[in-house]
Amino acid sequence: MLLVDLSHPVEAGMQVFPGDPPVDSRLAASVPRDGFQVAELHLGTHSGTHVDAPLHTVDGGSSVDELDLSRLVGPGRVVHVPDLREHDVIRWDDVRAQLEDVPAGTIVLFRTDWSRHFGTPRYLEHPVLDVEIAEHLLSAGVRVLGVDTLNPDRTPDASSTGPLELPVHAAVLGAGGAIIENLTNLHAVTWPDPLLSALPLRLRGLDGSPVRAVAMQL
């Protein structure tokens, strides 16, 4: 079996969504002092490569421990959208040819290769998905989509005010689906129809969780 890790390492100081809790860790016990090592970890539910549950944007929506795990392990489709610039909008016509035959239940991942900018200010200026893409996928029976960017919607800059506009989140999470963000290494998935897995921690009542996302060739 060939496996490709699609996850960023979780480490202190890593880039997070603006305003989210910073990632930090410290030793709570060490082998020289205590005979064993234990670390204390502080992070938000949307740190690193993670999955959004409906509760993230839907008041009263399902929490991450209530997600149907069978939706987060299954056949995948990697949609390549190359040569994008800051804040470009990916539209249905750009990806239609790669998605018109997508079966229901497929996990659809969008490869922009923007993950190469992770950890830099440019990562916040990522391309976005037009909500029409989400609507077409939902109509086809797709309930999980993922991106190798911080957000399928626009990430606000420092001058933004007021509530966030998150149309893709509203569509997918509003339909009871899930969104995987901050993927990486999608260029290494070089075979068609990978088996994908992005399982969250069973965090009761919370809105998301880091995942160890992998693509497998059986």
Protein backbone atom coordinates (compact mmCIF):
# COMPACT_ATOMS: atom_id res chain seq x y z
CA MET A 1 0.00 0.00 0.00
CA LEU A 2 1.24 3.49 -0.88
CA LEU A 3 0.35 6.25 1.61
CA VAL A 4 0.73 10.01 1.16
CA ASP A 5 0.48 12.19 4.24
CA LEU A 6 -1.72 15.18 3.45
CA SER A 7 -1.29 16.84 6.86
CA HIS A 8 0.85 19.71 8.09
CA PRO A 9 2.88 18.97 11.24
CA VAL A 10 1.30 20.39 14.39
CA GLU A 11 3.92 22.45 16.18
CA ALA A 12 4.23 25.45 18.46
CA GLY A 13 3.92 28.75 16.64
CA MET A 14 2.41 27.32 13.48
CA GLN A 15 0.19 29.51 11.33
CA VAL A 16 -3.50 29.58 12.27
CA PHE A 17 -6.60 31.42 11.09
CA PRO A 18 -6.33 35.09 12.17
CA GLY A 19 -7.58 35.42 15.73
CA ASP A 20 -7.62 31.68 16.48
CA PRO A 21 -5.80 30.39 19.57
CA PRO A 22 -2.05 30.00 19.02
CA VAL A 23 -0.51 26.54 19.07
CA ASP A 24 1.86 25.97 21.97
CA SER A 25 3.29 23.04 23.91
CA ARG A 26 5.48 22.43 26.92
CA LEU A 27 6.79 19.47 28.85
CA ALA A 28 4.60 18.51 31.79
CA ALA A 29 6.85 15.57 32.72
CA SER A 30 10.28 14.44 31.55
CA VAL A 31 12.18 11.18 31.62
CA PRO A 32 15.14 12.52 33.69
CA ARG A 33 12.84 14.03 36.32
CA ASP A 34 9.79 11.76 36.30
CA GLY A 35 10.75 8.58 34.47
CA PHE A 36 8.37 9.30 31.60
CA GLN A 37 7.57 12.16 29.22
CA VAL A 38 4.21 13.90 28.85
CA ALA A 39 3.59 17.12 26.93
CA GLU A 40 0.92 19.72 27.50
CA LEU A 41 -0.64 20.96 24.25
CA HIS A 42 -2.63 24.16 23.69
CA LEU A 43 -4.39 24.67 20.37
CA GLY A 44 -7.70 25.57 18.77
CA THR A 45 -10.06 23.06 17.23
CA HIS A 46 -9.15 24.35 13.75
CA SER A 47 -5.37 24.19 14.03
CA GLY A 48 -3.34 22.69 11.20
CA THR A 49 -5.00 20.20 8.87
CA HIS A 50 -8.48 19.85 10.33
CA VAL A 51 -12.13 19.11 9.68
CA ASP A 52 -15.00 21.55 10.19
CA ALA A 53 -18.19 20.08 11.61
CA PRO A 54 -21.57 21.77 10.97
CA LEU A 55 -21.44 23.33 14.46
CA HIS A 56 -18.56 25.51 13.21
CA THR A 57 -20.96 27.82 11.34
CA VAL A 58 -24.44 26.40 11.96
CA ASP A 59 -26.08 27.30 15.26
CA GLY A 60 -27.16 23.99 16.77
CA GLY A 61 -25.41 21.98 14.06
CA SER A 62 -23.78 18.61 14.60
CA SER A 63 -20.54 18.55 16.56
CA VAL A 64 -17.38 16.84 15.40
CA ASP A 65 -17.97 13.73 17.54
CA GLU A 66 -21.34 13.32 15.80
CA LEU A 67 -19.91 13.25 12.27
CA ASP A 68 -20.54 10.06 10.33
CA LEU A 69 -17.02 8.64 10.12
CA SER A 70 -17.92 6.66 7.01
CA ARG A 71 -18.11 9.98 5.15
CA LEU A 72 -14.51 10.78 6.11
CA VAL A 73 -13.01 7.52 4.84
CA GLY A 74 -13.71 6.59 1.26
CA PRO A 75 -13.08 7.13 -2.44
CA GLY A 76 -11.59 10.47 -3.35
CA ARG A 77 -11.24 12.80 -6.29
CA VAL A 78 -8.35 15.29 -6.47
CA VAL A 79 -9.29 18.28 -8.63
CA HIS A 80 -6.23 20.13 -9.93
CA VAL A 81 -6.60 23.87 -10.48
CA PRO A 82 -3.14 25.22 -11.44
CA ASP A 83 -1.63 28.66 -11.98
CA LEU A 84 -3.76 30.58 -9.51
CA ARG A 85 -2.99 33.99 -8.05
CA GLU A 86 -3.94 35.72 -4.82
CA HIS A 87 -7.71 35.81 -4.18
CA ASP A 88 -8.55 34.13 -7.50
CA VAL A 89 -12.05 32.66 -7.56
CA ILE A 90 -12.32 29.07 -8.79
CA ARG A 91 -15.59 28.73 -10.69
CA TRP A 92 -17.66 25.73 -11.72
CA ASP A 93 -16.60 26.04 -15.35
CA ASP A 94 -12.96 25.73 -14.23
CA VAL A 95 -13.54 22.31 -12.67
CA ARG A 96 -16.66 20.99 -14.43
CA ALA A 97 -14.73 18.55 -16.63
CA GLN A 98 -13.10 16.96 -13.56
CA LEU A 99 -16.34 16.65 -11.58
CA GLU A 100 -19.29 16.00 -13.88
CA ASP A 101 -19.07 12.23 -13.33
CA VAL A 102 -18.26 12.33 -9.61
CA PRO A 103 -20.14 9.57 -7.72
CA ALA A 104 -22.15 10.32 -4.59
CA GLY A 105 -20.13 9.87 -1.41
CA THR A 106 -16.83 10.87 -3.01
CA ILE A 107 -14.47 13.03 -0.94
CA VAL A 108 -13.49 15.87 -3.29
CA LEU A 109 -10.18 17.66 -2.66
CA PHE A 110 -9.11 20.79 -4.52
CA ARG A 111 -5.42 20.98 -5.34
CA THR A 112 -4.19 24.54 -5.86
CA ASP A 113 -0.66 23.93 -4.48
CA TRP A 114 -1.18 27.04 -2.32
CA SER A 115 0.04 24.93 0.61
CA ARG A 116 3.58 25.82 -0.47
CA HIS A 117 2.94 29.24 1.08
CA PHE A 118 1.92 27.82 4.47
CA GLY A 119 3.51 29.80 7.29
CA THR A 120 3.85 33.00 5.25
CA PRO A 121 1.59 36.08 4.92
CA ARG A 122 0.78 35.04 1.35
CA TYR A 123 -0.99 31.94 2.64
CA LEU A 124 -3.80 34.22 3.88
CA GLU A 125 -4.33 35.56 0.34
CA HIS A 126 -5.35 32.19 -1.03
CA PRO A 127 -7.73 31.41 -3.91
CA VAL A 128 -11.34 30.64 -3.02
CA LEU A 129 -14.15 28.42 -4.29
CA ASP A 130 -17.26 29.90 -5.82
CA VAL A 131 -20.30 28.64 -3.91
CA GLU A 132 -21.72 27.23 -7.15
CA ILE A 133 -19.11 24.47 -6.92
CA ALA A 134 -20.38 23.46 -3.50
CA GLU A 135 -23.96 23.53 -4.75
CA HIS A 136 -23.15 21.25 -7.70
CA LEU A 137 -21.27 18.82 -5.44
CA LEU A 138 -24.11 18.69 -2.93
CA SER A 139 -26.57 18.01 -5.75
CA ALA A 140 -24.34 15.10 -6.82
CA GLY A 141 -24.37 13.60 -3.33
CA VAL A 142 -20.93 14.83 -2.24
CA ARG A 143 -20.92 15.80 1.42
CA VAL A 144 -17.19 16.28 2.15
CA LEU A 145 -14.82 18.61 0.32
CA GLY A 146 -11.29 19.69 1.16
CA VAL A 147 -8.84 22.40 0.17
CA ASP A 148 -5.07 22.87 0.39
CA THR A 149 -5.68 26.43 1.58
CA LEU A 150 -6.67 28.02 4.87
CA ASN A 151 -10.28 28.34 3.81
CA PRO A 152 -12.55 27.56 0.83
CA ASP A 153 -14.05 31.00 1.43
CA ARG A 154 -12.18 34.30 1.63
CA THR A 155 -10.01 34.82 4.71
CA PRO A 156 -10.46 38.38 6.01
CA ASP A 157 -7.58 40.81 6.15
CA ALA A 158 -6.80 43.21 8.98
CA SER A 159 -9.13 45.86 7.58
CA SER A 160 -12.20 43.61 7.51
CA THR A 161 -15.08 44.39 9.87
CA GLY A 162 -18.40 42.76 10.65
CA PRO A 163 -19.45 39.10 10.44
CA LEU A 164 -17.54 36.82 8.07
CA GLU A 165 -19.12 35.86 4.79
CA LEU A 166 -18.67 32.10 4.41
CA PRO A 167 -20.91 30.95 1.55
CA VAL A 168 -19.17 27.61 0.94
CA HIS A 169 -19.26 26.83 4.65
CA ALA A 170 -22.93 27.80 4.76
CA ALA A 171 -23.76 25.48 1.86
CA VAL A 172 -21.72 22.43 2.87
CA LEU A 173 -22.05 22.59 6.65
CA GLY A 174 -25.64 23.72 6.32
CA ALA A 175 -26.33 20.47 4.45
CA GLY A 176 -24.77 18.44 7.28
CA GLY A 177 -21.49 17.93 5.43
CA ALA A 178 -17.88 18.55 6.44
CA ILE A 179 -14.96 20.62 5.15
CA ILE A 180 -11.28 19.67 5.41
CA GLU A 181 -8.86 22.61 5.43
CA ASN A 182 -5.08 23.14 5.33
CA LEU A 183 -4.31 20.03 3.31
CA THR A 184 -0.86 19.65 1.79
CA ASN A 185 1.11 17.33 -0.53
CA LEU A 186 -1.79 16.85 -2.93
CA HIS A 187 0.74 16.94 -5.79
CA ALA A 188 2.02 13.57 -4.54
CA VAL A 189 -1.34 11.87 -5.18
CA THR A 190 -0.40 10.79 -8.70
CA TRP A 191 -2.93 7.99 -9.20
CA PRO A 192 -6.67 8.23 -9.90
CA ASP A 193 -9.38 7.44 -7.36
CA PRO A 194 -7.34 7.44 -4.15
CA LEU A 195 -8.77 6.09 -0.93
CA LEU A 196 -8.87 9.04 1.49
CA SER A 197 -9.05 9.19 5.26
CA ALA A 198 -9.37 12.29 7.46
CA LEU A 199 -10.55 11.11 10.87
CA PRO A 200 -11.02 13.64 13.68
CA LEU A 201 -10.50 13.23 17.39
CA ARG A 202 -13.73 12.39 19.22
CA LEU A 203 -14.06 15.81 20.84
CA ARG A 204 -17.48 15.82 22.43
CA GLY A 205 -19.63 18.81 21.60
CA LEU A 206 -16.92 20.73 19.73
CA ASP A 207 -16.94 22.35 16.29
CA GLY A 208 -13.89 20.78 14.63
CA SER A 209 -10.73 18.78 15.14
CA PRO A 210 -7.24 18.35 13.73
CA VAL A 211 -6.99 15.27 11.50
CA ARG A 212 -4.24 13.08 10.09
CA ALA A 213 -5.33 13.15 6.47
CA VAL A 214 -3.86 10.49 4.19
CA ALA A 215 -4.33 9.29 0.63
CA MET A 216 -3.89 5.57 -0.04
CA GLN A 217 -3.28 3.51 -3.13
CA LEU A 218 -4.35 -0.06 -2.42
